[in-house]
Amino acid sequence: MKRGKKYAEAAKAVDRTNLYDPAEAISLVKKTAVAKFDETIEAHIRTGCDGRHAEQQIRGAVVLPHGTGKTVRVLVFAKNAKADEALAAGADFVGAEDLIPKIQNEGWLDFDVVVATPDMMGVVGRLGRVLGPKGLMPNPKAGTVTMDVTKAVQDIKAGKIEYRLDKTNIIHVPIGKASFTEEQLADNFQTLMGAINKARPSALKGVFLKSVTLASTMGPSVKVNPVKLAQ
């Protein structure tokens, strides 16, 4: 993959063989985010888990203290009083069966997170083929299937992110924007790593955090010393 001059210049600042302390890594990632837009900074965590085994799966959610810097559009499947509650909490879209054709037939996907009350999961299940591959299916482990729609919506708007293993046993999550201060990014990163360490499957033998990398949207990746992050 051919990279531009800006990337080549930024990459010179990073020693690819070095494992940086978290604070150093965050400082470097900020310095090397030189695109004309406010880049997202992501953490990529390679684990020693084998996601093919149910007992080694990782999935959960955590509220980042400073949010992600992204405006998140929330869709809530709820009826009656719970629908009113969702709207009052700041949900962008609220509906029930009426949304099925809009999503299924019209391809409407102008939302980032889907929340549902448990009684609506039969309806939402009909959208599994559309929402599933996009990682938008509500899930109790992520706190998106709940009767407490107020808390769910407020947490998501405040910066709640979901983390899960992908097919290669890596977790990819945003920890903020390049415009954040180093302290804000460090707080968010620490909160995320605390949650992931707690989610370590008890069935896992051996090393949990194999490698941890931070990178901005267009910048080079910076390796963080996983020993400094293990608990």
Protein backbone atom coordinates (compact mmCIF):
# COMPACT_ATOMS: atom_id res chain seq x y z
CA MET A 1 0.00 0.00 0.00
CA LYS A 2 1.48 3.30 -1.09
CA ARG A 3 1.62 5.93 1.63
CA GLY A 4 1.85 9.70 1.20
CA LYS A 5 4.70 12.05 2.12
CA LYS A 6 2.98 13.17 5.31
CA TYR A 7 2.72 9.58 6.51
CA ALA A 8 6.37 8.89 5.65
CA GLU A 9 7.45 11.97 7.63
CA ALA A 10 5.27 11.06 10.61
CA ALA A 11 6.46 7.44 10.56
CA LYS A 12 10.08 8.58 11.05
CA ALA A 13 9.17 9.69 14.57
CA VAL A 14 8.13 6.16 15.54
CA ASP A 15 10.59 3.38 16.35
CA ARG A 16 8.78 0.27 15.06
CA THR A 17 10.91 -2.03 17.21
CA ASN A 18 10.22 -0.19 20.46
CA LEU A 19 7.49 -0.93 23.01
CA TYR A 20 6.50 2.46 24.41
CA ASP A 21 5.10 3.38 27.82
CA PRO A 22 1.38 4.28 27.49
CA ALA A 23 2.01 8.03 28.07
CA GLU A 24 4.81 8.12 25.47
CA ALA A 25 2.70 6.18 22.96
CA ILE A 26 -0.24 8.60 23.35
CA SER A 27 2.06 11.60 22.92
CA LEU A 28 3.53 10.09 19.73
CA VAL A 29 0.16 9.18 18.24
CA LYS A 30 -1.05 12.75 18.78
CA LYS A 31 2.11 14.20 17.18
CA THR A 32 1.88 11.93 14.15
CA ALA A 33 -1.82 12.63 13.46
CA VAL A 34 -1.17 15.20 10.72
CA ALA A 35 -4.25 14.83 8.50
CA LYS A 36 -6.38 17.88 7.74
CA PHE A 37 -9.33 16.48 9.73
CA ASP A 38 -9.62 15.54 13.41
CA GLU A 39 -8.41 11.94 13.29
CA THR A 40 -9.85 9.21 15.49
CA ILE A 41 -7.33 7.46 17.72
CA GLU A 42 -7.90 3.73 18.07
CA ALA A 43 -6.51 0.99 20.27
CA HIS A 44 -5.90 -2.44 18.69
CA ILE A 45 -5.51 -5.16 21.32
CA ARG A 46 -4.35 -8.61 20.22
CA THR A 47 -5.31 -11.18 22.82
CA GLY A 48 -4.26 -14.75 23.54
CA CYS A 49 -7.93 -15.82 23.44
CA ASP A 50 -9.39 -18.27 20.98
CA GLY A 51 -12.79 -16.83 20.14
CA ARG A 52 -13.91 -20.14 18.62
CA HIS A 53 -14.45 -21.32 22.19
CA ALA A 54 -17.49 -19.72 23.83
CA GLU A 55 -15.73 -19.54 27.21
CA GLN A 56 -12.91 -17.46 25.68
CA GLN A 57 -15.19 -14.89 24.04
CA ILE A 58 -14.91 -11.26 25.16
CA ARG A 59 -17.74 -8.80 24.76
CA GLY A 60 -18.71 -5.87 26.89
CA ALA A 61 -19.01 -2.12 27.10
CA VAL A 62 -17.41 0.71 29.04
CA VAL A 63 -18.12 4.44 29.36
CA LEU A 64 -15.01 6.45 28.45
CA PRO A 65 -14.66 9.40 30.86
CA HIS A 66 -14.12 11.90 28.04
CA GLY A 67 -16.29 10.22 25.38
CA THR A 68 -15.05 9.38 21.88
CA GLY A 69 -15.40 12.84 20.35
CA LYS A 70 -18.01 11.45 17.97
CA THR A 71 -21.70 12.33 17.97
CA VAL A 72 -23.47 8.99 18.30
CA ARG A 73 -26.94 8.50 16.81
CA VAL A 74 -29.06 6.16 18.93
CA LEU A 75 -32.06 4.18 17.71
CA VAL A 76 -34.33 2.68 20.40
CA PHE A 77 -36.91 -0.05 19.82
CA ALA A 78 -39.54 0.51 22.51
CA LYS A 79 -43.26 1.09 22.98
CA ASN A 80 -45.55 3.33 25.02
CA ALA A 81 -43.99 4.68 28.25
CA LYS A 82 -40.55 3.25 27.38
CA ALA A 83 -40.64 4.99 23.98
CA ASP A 84 -41.41 8.31 25.72
CA GLU A 85 -38.60 7.62 28.20
CA ALA A 86 -36.11 7.00 25.35
CA LEU A 87 -37.05 10.26 23.63
CA ALA A 88 -36.75 12.18 26.90
CA ALA A 89 -33.27 10.67 27.44
CA GLY A 90 -32.09 11.99 24.06
CA ALA A 91 -32.57 9.06 21.67
CA ASP A 92 -32.39 10.20 18.03
CA PHE A 93 -34.94 7.70 16.73
CA VAL A 94 -37.59 5.66 18.55
CA GLY A 95 -39.97 3.14 17.04
CA ALA A 96 -41.22 -0.44 16.89
CA GLU A 97 -42.58 -2.63 14.06
CA ASP A 98 -42.98 0.49 11.91
CA LEU A 99 -39.19 0.65 11.51
CA ILE A 100 -38.84 -2.88 10.06
CA PRO A 101 -39.72 -2.04 6.42
CA LYS A 102 -37.74 1.20 6.57
CA ILE A 103 -34.57 -0.71 7.56
CA GLN A 104 -35.22 -3.91 5.59
CA ASN A 105 -36.61 -2.50 2.33
CA GLU A 106 -35.33 1.06 2.17
CA GLY A 107 -31.86 0.28 3.58
CA TRP A 108 -32.19 3.01 6.23
CA LEU A 109 -29.17 2.84 8.55
CA ASP A 110 -28.71 6.42 9.77
CA PHE A 111 -27.83 5.33 13.31
CA ASP A 112 -24.72 4.10 15.15
CA VAL A 113 -26.13 2.13 18.11
CA VAL A 114 -29.37 0.19 18.57
CA VAL A 115 -31.02 -0.23 21.99
CA ALA A 116 -34.09 -2.39 22.61
CA THR A 117 -36.32 -3.27 25.52
CA PRO A 118 -36.42 -7.08 26.06
CA ASP A 119 -40.06 -7.32 24.84
CA MET A 120 -38.99 -5.83 21.49
CA MET A 121 -36.28 -8.39 20.74
CA GLY A 122 -38.72 -10.56 18.74
CA VAL A 123 -39.22 -7.61 16.40
CA VAL A 124 -35.52 -6.69 16.29
CA GLY A 125 -34.64 -10.34 15.61
CA ARG A 126 -36.34 -10.01 12.21
CA LEU A 127 -33.62 -7.49 11.32
CA GLY A 128 -30.80 -9.87 12.27
CA ARG A 129 -29.57 -10.28 8.69
CA VAL A 130 -29.22 -6.52 8.27
CA LEU A 131 -28.04 -5.45 11.73
CA GLY A 132 -25.94 -8.52 12.61
CA PRO A 133 -23.17 -8.16 9.98
CA LYS A 134 -22.88 -4.44 10.81
CA GLY A 135 -22.40 -5.17 14.53
CA LEU A 136 -25.62 -3.27 15.34
CA MET A 137 -27.67 -6.04 16.99
CA PRO A 138 -28.61 -5.12 20.58
CA ASN A 139 -26.99 -7.40 23.14
CA PRO A 140 -27.57 -7.78 26.91
CA LYS A 141 -23.79 -8.06 27.55
CA ALA A 142 -23.28 -4.65 25.97
CA GLY A 143 -26.17 -3.19 27.96
CA THR A 144 -28.19 -2.50 24.81
CA VAL A 145 -31.04 -4.89 25.68
CA THR A 146 -32.52 -3.33 28.80
CA MET A 147 -35.64 -1.93 30.45
CA ASP A 148 -33.59 1.03 31.68
CA VAL A 149 -33.58 2.84 28.35
CA THR A 150 -32.81 6.18 30.03
CA LYS A 151 -29.49 4.92 31.41
CA ALA A 152 -28.64 3.09 28.16
CA VAL A 153 -29.19 6.19 26.00
CA GLN A 154 -27.43 8.55 28.41
CA ASP A 155 -24.40 6.23 28.74
CA ILE A 156 -24.06 5.88 24.97
CA LYS A 157 -24.34 9.64 24.47
CA ALA A 158 -21.75 10.17 27.22
CA GLY A 159 -19.18 7.99 25.44
CA LYS A 160 -20.02 4.36 26.06
CA ILE A 161 -18.22 2.07 23.64
CA GLU A 162 -18.57 -1.62 22.98
CA TYR A 163 -15.58 -3.92 22.73
CA ARG A 164 -15.50 -7.45 21.35
CA LEU A 165 -13.09 -9.93 19.80
CA ASP A 166 -13.03 -9.99 16.02
CA LYS A 167 -12.42 -13.19 14.04
CA THR A 168 -8.64 -12.82 14.54
CA ASN A 169 -9.01 -12.38 18.34
CA ILE A 170 -8.22 -8.66 18.19
CA ILE A 171 -10.26 -5.91 19.87
CA HIS A 172 -10.48 -2.60 17.93
CA VAL A 173 -11.87 0.43 19.78
CA PRO A 174 -11.72 4.23 19.51
CA ILE A 175 -10.29 6.05 22.55
CA GLY A 176 -10.87 9.62 21.33
CA LYS A 177 -9.78 12.19 18.78
CA ALA A 178 -6.38 13.70 17.94
CA SER A 179 -7.73 17.03 19.27
CA PHE A 180 -8.09 15.53 22.78
CA THR A 181 -5.42 16.40 25.35
CA GLU A 182 -2.89 13.70 26.25
CA GLU A 183 -4.52 13.51 29.71
CA GLN A 184 -7.97 12.88 28.21
CA LEU A 185 -6.64 10.16 25.91
CA ALA A 186 -4.69 8.60 28.81
CA ASP A 187 -7.83 8.56 31.02
CA ASN A 188 -9.89 6.95 28.27
CA PHE A 189 -7.17 4.39 27.46
CA GLN A 190 -6.71 3.48 31.12
CA THR A 191 -10.47 3.05 31.59
CA LEU A 192 -10.68 0.83 28.50
CA MET A 193 -7.71 -1.35 29.53
CA GLY A 194 -9.14 -1.70 33.05
CA ALA A 195 -12.39 -3.04 31.59
CA ILE A 196 -10.60 -5.39 29.19
CA ASN A 197 -8.34 -6.77 31.91
CA LYS A 198 -11.42 -7.47 34.04
CA ALA A 199 -13.02 -9.25 31.07
CA ARG A 200 -10.12 -11.73 30.81
CA PRO A 201 -11.74 -15.17 30.45
CA SER A 202 -10.97 -17.45 33.39
CA ALA A 203 -10.61 -20.34 30.90
CA LEU A 204 -7.62 -18.64 29.25
CA LYS A 205 -4.21 -20.09 30.02
CA GLY A 206 -1.09 -18.15 29.10
CA VAL A 207 -0.61 -14.57 27.94
CA PHE A 208 -3.75 -12.45 27.71
CA LEU A 209 -2.43 -9.22 26.14
CA LYS A 210 -0.18 -10.28 23.28
CA SER A 211 0.22 -6.82 21.74
CA VAL A 212 -1.36 -3.40 22.11
CA THR A 213 -1.08 -0.76 19.40
CA LEU A 214 -2.35 2.81 19.18
CA ALA A 215 -2.89 4.53 15.83
CA SER A 216 -4.69 7.54 14.40
CA THR A 217 -6.87 7.22 11.27
CA MET A 218 -4.09 8.20 8.87
CA GLY A 219 -1.00 7.97 11.06
CA PRO A 220 1.54 5.24 11.83
CA SER A 221 0.88 2.68 14.56
CA VAL A 222 2.71 2.90 17.89
CA LYS A 223 3.30 -0.23 19.96
CA VAL A 224 2.54 -0.02 23.69
CA ASN A 225 4.35 -2.23 26.18
CA PRO A 226 1.60 -4.74 27.17
CA VAL A 227 3.40 -5.55 30.44
CA LYS A 228 2.62 -2.00 31.60
CA LEU A 229 -1.09 -2.63 30.91
CA ALA A 230 -1.62 -6.07 32.45
CA GLN A 231 -3.27 -6.23 35.84
